[in-house]
Amino acid sequence: MTIFRYIKILRTYWPNEGRNTHIIFLNFLLMLIRLPFSLIDLILIKLGSQSDVEPIFVLGYYRSGTTHLQKLISLHPSVSYLNIFKTYFPDSFLSMEFWFKPLTQMILTIFKIKNPIHRVPFNWDLPGEEDIAFAFHPSRFSLNWSHAFPSKAKEVYERAIKSDREEFKDYYLSYFKRITFLSKKRYMVLKSPPNTARVETLLELFPNAKFVYIQRDPLETLASNRYLLDVVDGAQFEKTSSDERDELIIDLYLKMTDDYFQQRELIPKENLYETTFEKLVKNPQNELLALFKQFSLAADNDSLMEVNSFIRAKHGKHMGNYSDIVCNSNTLARLKEVKTL
């Protein structure tokens, strides 16, 4: 049961001096709200038929431009994407999305609530990531527990990425079937930074999957991740110093990129596209068209017009400015260890 899984995770990672315990109560409340609808979802899935959808995985470390790239790819008429609502309600969205999403969206809009991570008005239809869904489910396969329990980040990484691969494959496939249940499009673009270290496992599940890897300047990536951890500070169960925060960021950064570069050769060349955040920012249309060409995704005039319209309206409008990055010599030395394209 959801609540018992959450209690087990708390018992596994809880620090000696825990804080923000009100978050636990809020999570319990959300789980209770979801419970009856999760049972309805189970019935719907058993009665329905599974759609035949192929995944496009966007890989890259946190704050490397994965969300923006996911949104750009989803503009193709053959591609759907996972929205935030499906990640906050991973076991109950089928029976809740048609009524609870518009109701709560109206409230969010009236009170002008913002998504602090992406610096935009909160919208349930913004791109989401599977790892957030795994945390809300909750599952030990979510790497987000490393943000909630920074001192246990190494242990979280081993449990979420390295251990029990067969169990993870069953778990992931079950969620993938849920989110593609009603999809009428051929592809779904999925963005979840921990998948950067799971290439081999994902290929075992989806041998024909397509992969897009994006990388950003390591120093800017560090600065943007500092911002991310500052934003989620209110949801962390332990306090960390700025040096401990940087160590957490770089440790995960190195592990994830090392794992990717060790496994990237497993991907058939025709199913892999690699780029950088800087290229995407400079010329988004060219990058997107090259990606579509690599994956044989034909783009008609209507879809190109939609891409151009989105780029004019949204591209680069909510980027952070990290020109005044300050860090010590040890941090700079470790950042040079990050493997790059």
C-alpha atoms as a PDB file:
ATOM      1  CA  MET A   1       0.000   0.000   0.000  1.00  0.00           C
ATOM      2  CA  THR A   2       1.160   3.540  -0.797  1.00  0.00           C
ATOM      3  CA  ILE A   3       1.324   4.775   2.816  1.00  0.00           C
ATOM      4  CA  PHE A   4       3.301   1.751   3.998  1.00  0.00           C
ATOM      5  CA  ARG A   5       5.838   2.197   1.184  1.00  0.00           C
ATOM      6  CA  TYR A   6       6.278   5.820   2.227  1.00  0.00           C
ATOM      7  CA  ILE A   7       6.812   4.874   5.864  1.00  0.00           C
ATOM      8  CA  LYS A   8       9.442   2.324   4.809  1.00  0.00           C
ATOM      9  CA  ILE A   9      11.317   4.964   2.783  1.00  0.00           C
ATOM     10  CA  LEU A  10      11.205   7.423   5.699  1.00  0.00           C
ATOM     11  CA  ARG A  11      12.539   4.769   8.063  1.00  0.00           C
ATOM     12  CA  THR A  12      15.338   3.915   5.629  1.00  0.00           C
ATOM     13  CA  TYR A  13      16.638   7.458   5.101  1.00  0.00           C
ATOM     14  CA  TRP A  14      15.446   9.529   8.071  1.00  0.00           C
ATOM     15  CA  PRO A  15      18.349  11.603   9.543  1.00  0.00           C
ATOM     16  CA  ASN A  16      19.181  12.118  13.217  1.00  0.00           C
ATOM     17  CA  GLU A  17      17.987  15.713  13.062  1.00  0.00           C
ATOM     18  CA  GLY A  18      15.002  15.644  10.714  1.00  0.00           C
ATOM     19  CA  ARG A  19      13.018  18.757   9.816  1.00  0.00           C
ATOM     20  CA  ASN A  20      10.057  19.909   7.698  1.00  0.00           C
ATOM     21  CA  THR A  21       7.927  17.128   9.186  1.00  0.00           C
ATOM     22  CA  HIS A  22       4.762  18.904   8.016  1.00  0.00           C
ATOM     23  CA  ILE A  23       5.638  17.627   4.523  1.00  0.00           C
ATOM     24  CA  ILE A  24       5.018  14.095   5.785  1.00  0.00           C
ATOM     25  CA  PHE A  25       1.482  15.018   6.835  1.00  0.00           C
ATOM     26  CA  LEU A  26       0.792  16.667   3.468  1.00  0.00           C
ATOM     27  CA  ASN A  27       2.045  13.587   1.619  1.00  0.00           C
ATOM     28  CA  PHE A  28      -0.133  11.310   3.735  1.00  0.00           C
ATOM     29  CA  LEU A  29      -3.132  13.527   2.966  1.00  0.00           C
ATOM     30  CA  LEU A  30      -2.419  13.423  -0.776  1.00  0.00           C
ATOM     31  CA  MET A  31      -2.094   9.629  -0.658  1.00  0.00           C
ATOM     32  CA  LEU A  32      -5.458   9.292   1.068  1.00  0.00           C
ATOM     33  CA  ILE A  33      -7.103  11.542  -1.536  1.00  0.00           C
ATOM     34  CA  ARG A  34      -5.635   9.419  -4.332  1.00  0.00           C
ATOM     35  CA  LEU A  35      -6.501   6.045  -2.805  1.00  0.00           C
ATOM     36  CA  PRO A  36     -10.097   5.509  -4.049  1.00  0.00           C
ATOM     37  CA  PHE A  37      -9.235   6.854  -7.505  1.00  0.00           C
ATOM     38  CA  SER A  38      -6.204   4.566  -7.755  1.00  0.00           C
ATOM     39  CA  LEU A  39      -8.575   1.609  -7.394  1.00  0.00           C
ATOM     40  CA  ILE A  40     -10.731   2.986 -10.220  1.00  0.00           C
ATOM     41  CA  ASP A  41      -7.614   3.364 -12.371  1.00  0.00           C
ATOM     42  CA  LEU A  42      -6.733  -0.286 -11.814  1.00  0.00           C
ATOM     43  CA  ILE A  43     -10.158  -1.325 -13.081  1.00  0.00           C
ATOM     44  CA  LEU A  44      -9.917   0.980 -16.115  1.00  0.00           C
ATOM     45  CA  ILE A  45      -6.545  -0.465 -17.108  1.00  0.00           C
ATOM     46  CA  LYS A  46      -7.771  -4.055 -16.755  1.00  0.00           C
ATOM     47  CA  LEU A  47     -10.820  -3.346 -18.917  1.00  0.00           C
ATOM     48  CA  GLY A  48      -9.009  -1.300 -21.561  1.00  0.00           C
ATOM     49  CA  SER A  49      -6.561  -2.195 -24.305  1.00  0.00           C
ATOM     50  CA  GLN A  50      -2.929  -1.095 -24.356  1.00  0.00           C
ATOM     51  CA  SER A  51      -1.806   1.361 -27.046  1.00  0.00           C
ATOM     52  CA  ASP A  52       1.372   0.717 -29.044  1.00  0.00           C
ATOM     53  CA  VAL A  53       3.628   3.667 -28.198  1.00  0.00           C
ATOM     54  CA  GLU A  54       7.393   3.920 -28.632  1.00  0.00           C
ATOM     55  CA  PRO A  55       9.477   5.984 -26.178  1.00  0.00           C
ATOM     56  CA  ILE A  56      11.884   8.804 -26.956  1.00  0.00           C
ATOM     57  CA  PHE A  57      14.094   9.268 -23.896  1.00  0.00           C
ATOM     58  CA  VAL A  58      15.618  12.677 -23.209  1.00  0.00           C
ATOM     59  CA  LEU A  59      18.751  12.159 -21.125  1.00  0.00           C
ATOM     60  CA  GLY A  60      20.962  14.619 -19.295  1.00  0.00           C
ATOM     61  CA  TYR A  61      21.805  15.769 -15.798  1.00  0.00           C
ATOM     62  CA  TYR A  62      19.420  17.982 -13.843  1.00  0.00           C
ATOM     63  CA  ARG A  63      19.124  21.540 -15.222  1.00  0.00           C
ATOM     64  CA  SER A  64      20.812  20.713 -18.522  1.00  0.00           C
ATOM     65  CA  GLY A  65      17.887  21.842 -20.678  1.00  0.00           C
ATOM     66  CA  THR A  66      16.037  18.520 -20.665  1.00  0.00           C
ATOM     67  CA  THR A  67      12.606  20.019 -19.913  1.00  0.00           C
ATOM     68  CA  HIS A  68      12.814  22.588 -22.699  1.00  0.00           C
ATOM     69  CA  LEU A  69      14.075  19.974 -25.152  1.00  0.00           C
ATOM     70  CA  GLN A  70      11.252  17.620 -24.141  1.00  0.00           C
ATOM     71  CA  LYS A  71       8.699  20.347 -24.856  1.00  0.00           C
ATOM     72  CA  LEU A  72      10.255  21.137 -28.248  1.00  0.00           C
ATOM     73  CA  ILE A  73      10.213  17.475 -29.308  1.00  0.00           C
ATOM     74  CA  SER A  74       6.600  17.135 -28.192  1.00  0.00           C
ATOM     75  CA  LEU A  75       5.592  19.765 -30.770  1.00  0.00           C
ATOM     76  CA  HIS A  76       5.925  17.102 -33.456  1.00  0.00           C
ATOM     77  CA  PRO A  77       2.449  15.802 -34.394  1.00  0.00           C
ATOM     78  CA  SER A  78       3.494  12.164 -33.826  1.00  0.00           C
ATOM     79  CA  VAL A  79       4.832  12.779 -30.317  1.00  0.00           C
ATOM     80  CA  SER A  80       3.014  13.053 -26.988  1.00  0.00           C
ATOM     81  CA  TYR A  81       4.590  13.822 -23.621  1.00  0.00           C
ATOM     82  CA  LEU A  82       4.148  13.206 -19.915  1.00  0.00           C
ATOM     83  CA  ASN A  83       2.620  16.173 -18.095  1.00  0.00           C
ATOM     84  CA  ILE A  84       3.087  17.238 -14.474  1.00  0.00           C
ATOM     85  CA  PHE A  85      -0.386  16.099 -13.422  1.00  0.00           C
ATOM     86  CA  LYS A  86       0.422  12.491 -14.303  1.00  0.00           C
ATOM     87  CA  THR A  87       3.539  12.676 -12.139  1.00  0.00           C
ATOM     88  CA  TYR A  88       1.780  14.125  -9.070  1.00  0.00           C
ATOM     89  CA  PHE A  89      -1.027  11.568  -9.357  1.00  0.00           C
ATOM     90  CA  PRO A  90       0.859   8.565 -10.785  1.00  0.00           C
ATOM     91  CA  ASP A  91      -1.648   5.914  -9.739  1.00  0.00           C
ATOM     92  CA  SER A  92      -4.909   7.846 -10.147  1.00  0.00           C
ATOM     93  CA  PHE A  93      -4.633  10.296 -13.062  1.00  0.00           C
ATOM     94  CA  LEU A  94      -6.897   8.281 -15.394  1.00  0.00           C
ATOM     95  CA  SER A  95      -9.916   8.888 -13.169  1.00  0.00           C
ATOM     96  CA  MET A  96      -8.878  12.317 -11.834  1.00  0.00           C
ATOM     97  CA  GLU A  97      -7.414  14.239 -14.764  1.00  0.00           C
ATOM     98  CA  PHE A  98     -10.671  15.067 -16.543  1.00  0.00           C
ATOM     99  CA  TRP A  99     -12.191  16.835 -13.513  1.00  0.00           C
ATOM    100  CA  PHE A 100      -9.561  17.473 -10.826  1.00  0.00           C
ATOM    101  CA  LYS A 101      -6.978  18.965 -13.182  1.00  0.00           C
ATOM    102  CA  PRO A 102      -9.222  21.779 -14.597  1.00  0.00           C
ATOM    103  CA  LEU A 103     -10.640  22.499 -11.121  1.00  0.00           C
ATOM    104  CA  THR A 104      -7.240  22.912  -9.485  1.00  0.00           C
ATOM    105  CA  GLN A 105      -5.794  24.671 -12.544  1.00  0.00           C
ATOM    106  CA  MET A 106      -8.476  27.333 -12.225  1.00  0.00           C
ATOM    107  CA  ILE A 107      -7.476  27.901  -8.588  1.00  0.00           C
ATOM    108  CA  LEU A 108      -3.758  27.990  -9.463  1.00  0.00           C
ATOM    109  CA  THR A 109      -4.435  30.537 -12.201  1.00  0.00           C
ATOM    110  CA  ILE A 110      -6.659  32.769 -10.037  1.00  0.00           C
ATOM    111  CA  PHE A 111      -3.999  32.980  -7.321  1.00  0.00           C
ATOM    112  CA  LYS A 112      -1.189  33.300  -9.897  1.00  0.00           C
ATOM    113  CA  ILE A 113       0.768  30.396  -8.446  1.00  0.00           C
ATOM    114  CA  LYS A 114       4.149  29.903 -10.107  1.00  0.00           C
ATOM    115  CA  ASN A 115       6.277  26.875 -10.758  1.00  0.00           C
ATOM    116  CA  PRO A 116       9.392  28.026  -8.861  1.00  0.00           C
ATOM    117  CA  ILE A 117      11.729  25.496 -10.474  1.00  0.00           C
ATOM    118  CA  HIS A 118      11.010  26.640 -14.035  1.00  0.00           C
ATOM    119  CA  ARG A 119      10.096  30.264 -13.187  1.00  0.00           C
ATOM    120  CA  VAL A 120       6.771  30.140 -15.057  1.00  0.00           C
ATOM    121  CA  PRO A 121       3.077  30.139 -14.037  1.00  0.00           C
ATOM    122  CA  PHE A 122       2.149  26.717 -12.665  1.00  0.00           C
ATOM    123  CA  ASN A 123       0.393  24.631 -15.282  1.00  0.00           C
ATOM    124  CA  TRP A 124      -0.489  20.957 -14.970  1.00  0.00           C
ATOM    125  CA  ASP A 125       0.224  20.515 -18.692  1.00  0.00           C
ATOM    126  CA  LEU A 126       3.872  21.496 -18.419  1.00  0.00           C
ATOM    127  CA  PRO A 127       6.296  18.601 -19.096  1.00  0.00           C
ATOM    128  CA  GLY A 128       6.877  16.310 -16.145  1.00  0.00           C
ATOM    129  CA  GLU A 129       9.298  13.501 -15.394  1.00  0.00           C
ATOM    130  CA  GLU A 130       8.856   9.898 -14.352  1.00  0.00           C
ATOM    131  CA  ASP A 131      11.202  10.231 -11.373  1.00  0.00           C
ATOM    132  CA  ILE A 132       8.816  12.717  -9.753  1.00  0.00           C
ATOM    133  CA  ALA A 133       6.018  10.196 -10.272  1.00  0.00           C
ATOM    134  CA  PHE A 134       8.140   7.520  -8.603  1.00  0.00           C
ATOM    135  CA  ALA A 135       8.599   9.811  -5.579  1.00  0.00           C
ATOM    136  CA  PHE A 136       4.874  10.536  -5.309  1.00  0.00           C
ATOM    137  CA  HIS A 137       3.942   6.875  -5.775  1.00  0.00           C
ATOM    138  CA  PRO A 138       6.213   6.471  -3.690  1.00  0.00           C
ATOM    139  CA  SER A 139       9.020   4.153  -4.801  1.00  0.00           C
ATOM    140  CA  ARG A 140      12.608   3.584  -3.754  1.00  0.00           C
ATOM    141  CA  PHE A 141      13.491   3.805  -7.464  1.00  0.00           C
ATOM    142  CA  SER A 142      13.159   7.602  -7.347  1.00  0.00           C
ATOM    143  CA  LEU A 143      16.443   9.491  -7.246  1.00  0.00           C
ATOM    144  CA  ASN A 144      14.542  12.486  -5.839  1.00  0.00           C
ATOM    145  CA  TRP A 145      15.023  10.990  -2.397  1.00  0.00           C
ATOM    146  CA  SER A 146      18.618  12.234  -2.700  1.00  0.00           C
ATOM    147  CA  HIS A 147      17.203  15.796  -2.705  1.00  0.00           C
ATOM    148  CA  ALA A 148      15.007  15.060   0.319  1.00  0.00           C
ATOM    149  CA  PHE A 149      17.833  13.298   2.189  1.00  0.00           C
ATOM    150  CA  PRO A 150      21.104  14.838   0.894  1.00  0.00           C
ATOM    151  CA  SER A 151      23.357  12.987   3.343  1.00  0.00           C
ATOM    152  CA  LYS A 152      22.040   9.670   1.999  1.00  0.00           C
ATOM    153  CA  ALA A 153      22.525  10.567  -1.687  1.00  0.00           C
ATOM    154  CA  LYS A 154      25.062   7.803  -2.386  1.00  0.00           C
ATOM    155  CA  GLU A 155      22.822   5.186  -0.784  1.00  0.00           C
ATOM    156  CA  VAL A 156      19.808   6.513  -2.700  1.00  0.00           C
ATOM    157  CA  TYR A 157      21.736   6.313  -5.980  1.00  0.00           C
ATOM    158  CA  GLU A 158      22.663   2.683  -5.386  1.00  0.00           C
ATOM    159  CA  ARG A 159      19.105   1.731  -4.471  1.00  0.00           C
ATOM    160  CA  ALA A 160      17.440   3.713  -7.260  1.00  0.00           C
ATOM    161  CA  ILE A 161      19.857   3.083 -10.126  1.00  0.00           C
ATOM    162  CA  LYS A 162      22.041   0.068  -9.463  1.00  0.00           C
ATOM    163  CA  SER A 163      20.049  -2.450  -7.441  1.00  0.00           C
ATOM    164  CA  ASP A 164      17.237  -4.821  -8.429  1.00  0.00           C
ATOM    165  CA  ARG A 165      17.181  -4.047 -12.146  1.00  0.00           C
ATOM    166  CA  GLU A 166      14.623  -6.733 -12.905  1.00  0.00           C
ATOM    167  CA  GLU A 167      12.246  -5.326 -10.302  1.00  0.00           C
ATOM    168  CA  PHE A 168      12.796  -1.835 -11.690  1.00  0.00           C
ATOM    169  CA  LYS A 169      11.975  -3.016 -15.214  1.00  0.00           C
ATOM    170  CA  ASP A 170       8.648  -4.435 -14.020  1.00  0.00           C
ATOM    171  CA  TYR A 171       7.919  -1.232 -12.129  1.00  0.00           C
ATOM    172  CA  TYR A 172       8.855   1.056 -15.018  1.00  0.00           C
ATOM    173  CA  LEU A 173       6.938  -0.937 -17.595  1.00  0.00           C
ATOM    174  CA  SER A 174       3.832  -0.823 -15.407  1.00  0.00           C
ATOM    175  CA  TYR A 175       4.004   2.989 -15.224  1.00  0.00           C
ATOM    176  CA  PHE A 176       4.779   3.295 -18.934  1.00  0.00           C
ATOM    177  CA  LYS A 177       1.639   1.307 -19.739  1.00  0.00           C
ATOM    178  CA  ARG A 178      -0.379   3.673 -17.555  1.00  0.00           C
ATOM    179  CA  ILE A 179       0.864   6.890 -19.115  1.00  0.00           C
ATOM    180  CA  THR A 180       0.482   5.593 -22.687  1.00  0.00           C
ATOM    181  CA  PHE A 181      -2.889   3.956 -21.998  1.00  0.00           C
ATOM    182  CA  LEU A 182      -4.985   6.510 -23.897  1.00  0.00           C
ATOM    183  CA  SER A 183      -2.315   7.874 -26.216  1.00  0.00           C
ATOM    184  CA  LYS A 184      -3.166   8.000 -29.903  1.00  0.00           C
ATOM    185  CA  LYS A 185       0.306   9.071 -31.007  1.00  0.00           C
ATOM    186  CA  ARG A 186       3.129   6.832 -32.121  1.00  0.00           C
ATOM    187  CA  TYR A 187       5.774   8.210 -29.748  1.00  0.00           C
ATOM    188  CA  MET A 188       5.964   9.610 -26.234  1.00  0.00           C
ATOM    189  CA  VAL A 189       8.906  11.791 -25.248  1.00  0.00           C
ATOM    190  CA  LEU A 190      10.011  11.134 -21.668  1.00  0.00           C
ATOM    191  CA  LYS A 191      12.452  13.184 -19.636  1.00  0.00           C
ATOM    192  CA  SER A 192      13.903  11.964 -16.360  1.00  0.00           C
ATOM    193  CA  PRO A 193      17.547  12.722 -15.435  1.00  0.00           C
ATOM    194  CA  PRO A 194      18.119   9.386 -13.606  1.00  0.00           C
ATOM    195  CA  ASN A 195      17.426   7.576 -16.891  1.00  0.00           C
ATOM    196  CA  THR A 196      20.757   8.986 -18.062  1.00  0.00           C
ATOM    197  CA  ALA A 197      22.368   6.222 -15.993  1.00  0.00           C
ATOM    198  CA  ARG A 198      19.861   3.530 -17.026  1.00  0.00           C
ATOM    199  CA  VAL A 199      20.529   3.224 -20.769  1.00  0.00           C
ATOM    200  CA  GLU A 200      21.273  -0.507 -20.643  1.00  0.00           C
ATOM    201  CA  THR A 201      18.167  -1.242 -18.581  1.00  0.00           C
ATOM    202  CA  LEU A 202      15.917   0.871 -20.809  1.00  0.00           C
ATOM    203  CA  LEU A 203      17.249  -0.861 -23.917  1.00  0.00           C
ATOM    204  CA  GLU A 204      16.356  -4.220 -22.397  1.00  0.00           C
ATOM    205  CA  LEU A 205      12.800  -2.919 -22.013  1.00  0.00           C
ATOM    206  CA  PHE A 206      12.607  -1.019 -25.310  1.00  0.00           C
ATOM    207  CA  PRO A 207      15.210  -2.279 -27.837  1.00  0.00           C
ATOM    208  CA  ASN A 208      14.011   0.192 -30.497  1.00  0.00           C
ATOM    209  CA  ALA A 209      13.790   3.217 -28.204  1.00  0.00           C
ATOM    210  CA  LYS A 210      15.255   6.529 -29.318  1.00  0.00           C
ATOM    211  CA  PHE A 211      17.579   8.523 -27.072  1.00  0.00           C
ATOM    212  CA  VAL A 212      18.458  12.219 -26.992  1.00  0.00           C
ATOM    213  CA  TYR A 213      21.344  13.303 -24.763  1.00  0.00           C
ATOM    214  CA  ILE A 214      21.831  16.974 -23.887  1.00  0.00           C
ATOM    215  CA  GLN A 215      24.731  18.447 -21.964  1.00  0.00           C
ATOM    216  CA  ARG A 216      25.342  21.897 -20.535  1.00  0.00           C
ATOM    217  CA  ASP A 217      28.468  23.752 -19.469  1.00  0.00           C
ATOM    218  CA  PRO A 218      29.379  22.082 -16.122  1.00  0.00           C
ATOM    219  CA  LEU A 219      29.851  25.369 -14.259  1.00  0.00           C
ATOM    220  CA  GLU A 220      26.432  26.650 -15.348  1.00  0.00           C
ATOM    221  CA  THR A 221      24.951  23.243 -14.528  1.00  0.00           C
ATOM    222  CA  LEU A 222      26.327  23.529 -10.990  1.00  0.00           C
ATOM    223  CA  ALA A 223      24.890  27.033 -10.565  1.00  0.00           C
ATOM    224  CA  SER A 224      21.477  25.996 -11.876  1.00  0.00           C
ATOM    225  CA  ASN A 225      21.428  22.979  -9.562  1.00  0.00           C
ATOM    226  CA  ARG A 226      22.247  25.235  -6.637  1.00  0.00           C
ATOM    227  CA  TYR A 227      19.129  27.192  -7.544  1.00  0.00           C
ATOM    228  CA  LEU A 228      17.116  23.952  -7.747  1.00  0.00           C
ATOM    229  CA  LEU A 229      18.200  22.826  -4.275  1.00  0.00           C
ATOM    230  CA  ASP A 230      17.464  26.277  -2.853  1.00  0.00           C
ATOM    231  CA  VAL A 231      13.935  26.032  -4.270  1.00  0.00           C
ATOM    232  CA  VAL A 232      13.291  22.573  -2.802  1.00  0.00           C
ATOM    233  CA  ASP A 233      14.863  23.454   0.569  1.00  0.00           C
ATOM    234  CA  GLY A 234      11.399  23.583   2.149  1.00  0.00           C
ATOM    235  CA  ALA A 235      10.815  19.955   1.170  1.00  0.00           C
ATOM    236  CA  GLN A 236      14.174  18.643   2.388  1.00  0.00           C
ATOM    237  CA  PHE A 237      14.156  16.625   5.583  1.00  0.00           C
ATOM    238  CA  GLU A 238      17.641  17.751   6.618  1.00  0.00           C
ATOM    239  CA  LYS A 239      19.701  20.932   6.418  1.00  0.00           C
ATOM    240  CA  THR A 240      22.893  21.075   4.375  1.00  0.00           C
ATOM    241  CA  SER A 241      25.684  23.615   4.130  1.00  0.00           C
ATOM    242  CA  SER A 242      26.635  25.203   0.812  1.00  0.00           C
ATOM    243  CA  ASP A 243      29.728  22.966   0.582  1.00  0.00           C
ATOM    244  CA  GLU A 244      27.660  19.841   1.285  1.00  0.00           C
ATOM    245  CA  ARG A 245      25.162  20.977  -1.349  1.00  0.00           C
ATOM    246  CA  ASP A 246      27.903  21.360  -3.959  1.00  0.00           C
ATOM    247  CA  GLU A 247      29.319  17.943  -3.059  1.00  0.00           C
ATOM    248  CA  LEU A 248      25.877  16.349  -3.535  1.00  0.00           C
ATOM    249  CA  ILE A 249      25.447  18.008  -6.939  1.00  0.00           C
ATOM    250  CA  ILE A 250      28.886  17.058  -8.245  1.00  0.00           C
ATOM    251  CA  ASP A 251      28.818  13.503  -6.869  1.00  0.00           C
ATOM    252  CA  LEU A 252      25.557  12.749  -8.683  1.00  0.00           C
ATOM    253  CA  TYR A 253      26.710  14.669 -11.770  1.00  0.00           C
ATOM    254  CA  LEU A 254      29.886  12.570 -12.060  1.00  0.00           C
ATOM    255  CA  LYS A 255      28.123   9.272 -11.367  1.00  0.00           C
ATOM    256  CA  MET A 256      25.365   9.927 -13.873  1.00  0.00           C
ATOM    257  CA  THR A 257      27.570  11.158 -16.706  1.00  0.00           C
ATOM    258  CA  ASP A 258      30.099   8.351 -16.141  1.00  0.00           C
ATOM    259  CA  ASP A 259      27.318   5.787 -16.328  1.00  0.00           C
ATOM    260  CA  TYR A 260      25.976   7.357 -19.522  1.00  0.00           C
ATOM    261  CA  PHE A 261      29.310   7.373 -21.319  1.00  0.00           C
ATOM    262  CA  GLN A 262      29.909   3.751 -20.293  1.00  0.00           C
ATOM    263  CA  GLN A 263      26.570   2.684 -21.779  1.00  0.00           C
ATOM    264  CA  ARG A 264      26.037   5.002 -24.761  1.00  0.00           C
ATOM    265  CA  GLU A 265      27.735   2.593 -27.192  1.00  0.00           C
ATOM    266  CA  LEU A 266      24.869   0.151 -26.588  1.00  0.00           C
ATOM    267  CA  ILE A 267      22.476   2.480 -28.413  1.00  0.00           C
ATOM    268  CA  PRO A 268      22.242   1.916 -32.191  1.00  0.00           C
ATOM    269  CA  LYS A 269      23.673   5.020 -33.896  1.00  0.00           C
ATOM    270  CA  GLU A 270      20.438   5.692 -35.774  1.00  0.00           C
ATOM    271  CA  ASN A 271      18.573   5.866 -32.444  1.00  0.00           C
ATOM    272  CA  LEU A 272      20.858   8.355 -30.691  1.00  0.00           C
ATOM    273  CA  TYR A 273      21.064  12.137 -31.021  1.00  0.00           C
ATOM    274  CA  GLU A 274      23.463  14.161 -28.862  1.00  0.00           C
ATOM    275  CA  THR A 275      23.540  17.922 -28.478  1.00  0.00           C
ATOM    276  CA  THR A 276      24.399  20.682 -26.035  1.00  0.00           C
ATOM    277  CA  PHE A 277      22.320  23.268 -24.227  1.00  0.00           C
ATOM    278  CA  GLU A 278      24.374  25.997 -25.854  1.00  0.00           C
ATOM    279  CA  LYS A 279      23.569  24.737 -29.379  1.00  0.00           C
ATOM    280  CA  LEU A 280      19.895  24.435 -28.512  1.00  0.00           C
ATOM    281  CA  VAL A 281      19.736  27.982 -27.172  1.00  0.00           C
ATOM    282  CA  LYS A 282      21.629  29.437 -30.130  1.00  0.00           C
ATOM    283  CA  ASN A 283      19.656  27.731 -32.898  1.00  0.00           C
ATOM    284  CA  PRO A 284      16.691  25.710 -31.588  1.00  0.00           C
ATOM    285  CA  GLN A 285      15.026  25.177 -34.946  1.00  0.00           C
ATOM    286  CA  ASN A 286      18.136  23.725 -36.612  1.00  0.00           C
ATOM    287  CA  GLU A 287      18.761  21.417 -33.664  1.00  0.00           C
ATOM    288  CA  LEU A 288      15.173  20.217 -33.650  1.00  0.00           C
ATOM    289  CA  LEU A 289      15.084  19.610 -37.396  1.00  0.00           C
ATOM    290  CA  ALA A 290      18.365  17.669 -37.201  1.00  0.00           C
ATOM    291  CA  LEU A 291      16.880  15.564 -34.414  1.00  0.00           C
ATOM    292  CA  PHE A 292      13.706  14.879 -36.410  1.00  0.00           C
ATOM    293  CA  LYS A 293      15.824  13.888 -39.400  1.00  0.00           C
ATOM    294  CA  GLN A 294      17.968  11.550 -37.298  1.00  0.00           C
ATOM    295  CA  PHE A 295      14.869   9.719 -36.084  1.00  0.00           C
ATOM    296  CA  SER A 296      13.050   9.842 -39.443  1.00  0.00           C
ATOM    297  CA  LEU A 297      10.275  12.018 -38.036  1.00  0.00           C
ATOM    298  CA  ALA A 298       8.799  13.862 -40.995  1.00  0.00           C
ATOM    299  CA  ALA A 299       7.869  17.465 -40.166  1.00  0.00           C
ATOM    300  CA  ASP A 300       5.155  19.096 -42.298  1.00  0.00           C
ATOM    301  CA  ASN A 301       4.576  22.830 -42.689  1.00  0.00           C
ATOM    302  CA  ASP A 302       1.955  22.991 -39.925  1.00  0.00           C
ATOM    303  CA  SER A 303       4.254  21.383 -37.365  1.00  0.00           C
ATOM    304  CA  LEU A 304       7.144  23.641 -38.409  1.00  0.00           C
ATOM    305  CA  MET A 305       4.905  26.680 -37.957  1.00  0.00           C
ATOM    306  CA  GLU A 306       3.991  25.479 -34.467  1.00  0.00           C
ATOM    307  CA  VAL A 307       7.667  25.008 -33.630  1.00  0.00           C
ATOM    308  CA  ASN A 308       8.501  28.514 -34.864  1.00  0.00           C
ATOM    309  CA  SER A 309       5.577  29.995 -32.962  1.00  0.00           C
ATOM    310  CA  PHE A 310       6.657  28.292 -29.723  1.00  0.00           C
ATOM    311  CA  ILE A 311      10.272  29.390 -30.181  1.00  0.00           C
ATOM    312  CA  ARG A 312       9.236  33.013 -30.706  1.00  0.00           C
ATOM    313  CA  ALA A 313       6.916  32.977 -27.689  1.00  0.00           C
ATOM    314  CA  LYS A 314       8.811  30.866 -25.154  1.00  0.00           C
ATOM    315  CA  HIS A 315      12.380  30.044 -26.146  1.00  0.00           C
ATOM    316  CA  GLY A 316      14.929  31.464 -23.708  1.00  0.00           C
ATOM    317  CA  LYS A 317      12.367  33.622 -21.898  1.00  0.00           C
ATOM    318  CA  HIS A 318      12.801  32.045 -18.446  1.00  0.00           C
ATOM    319  CA  MET A 319      16.487  31.154 -18.347  1.00  0.00           C
ATOM    320  CA  GLY A 320      18.473  31.926 -15.223  1.00  0.00           C
ATOM    321  CA  ASN A 321      21.505  34.210 -15.297  1.00  0.00           C
ATOM    322  CA  TYR A 322      24.558  32.465 -13.859  1.00  0.00           C
ATOM    323  CA  SER A 323      27.290  34.859 -14.994  1.00  0.00           C
ATOM    324  CA  ASP A 324      28.544  35.473 -11.426  1.00  0.00           C
ATOM    325  CA  ILE A 325      29.212  31.881 -10.377  1.00  0.00           C
ATOM    326  CA  VAL A 326      31.478  31.570  -7.337  1.00  0.00           C
ATOM    327  CA  CYS A 327      32.966  28.288  -6.091  1.00  0.00           C
ATOM    328  CA  ASN A 328      36.151  27.062  -4.449  1.00  0.00           C
ATOM    329  CA  SER A 329      39.153  25.492  -6.191  1.00  0.00           C
ATOM    330  CA  ASN A 330      38.229  21.954  -5.137  1.00  0.00           C
ATOM    331  CA  THR A 331      34.773  22.300  -6.691  1.00  0.00           C
ATOM    332  CA  LEU A 332      36.280  23.673  -9.912  1.00  0.00           C
ATOM    333  CA  ALA A 333      38.742  20.777 -10.058  1.00  0.00           C
ATOM    334  CA  ARG A 334      35.963  18.207  -9.648  1.00  0.00           C
ATOM    335  CA  LEU A 335      33.851  19.853 -12.346  1.00  0.00           C
ATOM    336  CA  LYS A 336      36.728  19.296 -14.794  1.00  0.00           C
ATOM    337  CA  GLU A 337      36.264  15.553 -14.218  1.00  0.00           C
ATOM    338  CA  VAL A 338      32.787  15.649 -15.804  1.00  0.00           C
ATOM    339  CA  LYS A 339      32.853  13.826 -19.130  1.00  0.00           C
ATOM    340  CA  THR A 340      31.721  15.995 -22.036  1.00  0.00           C
ATOM    341  CA  LEU A 341      30.755  15.473 -25.670  1.00  0.00           C
END
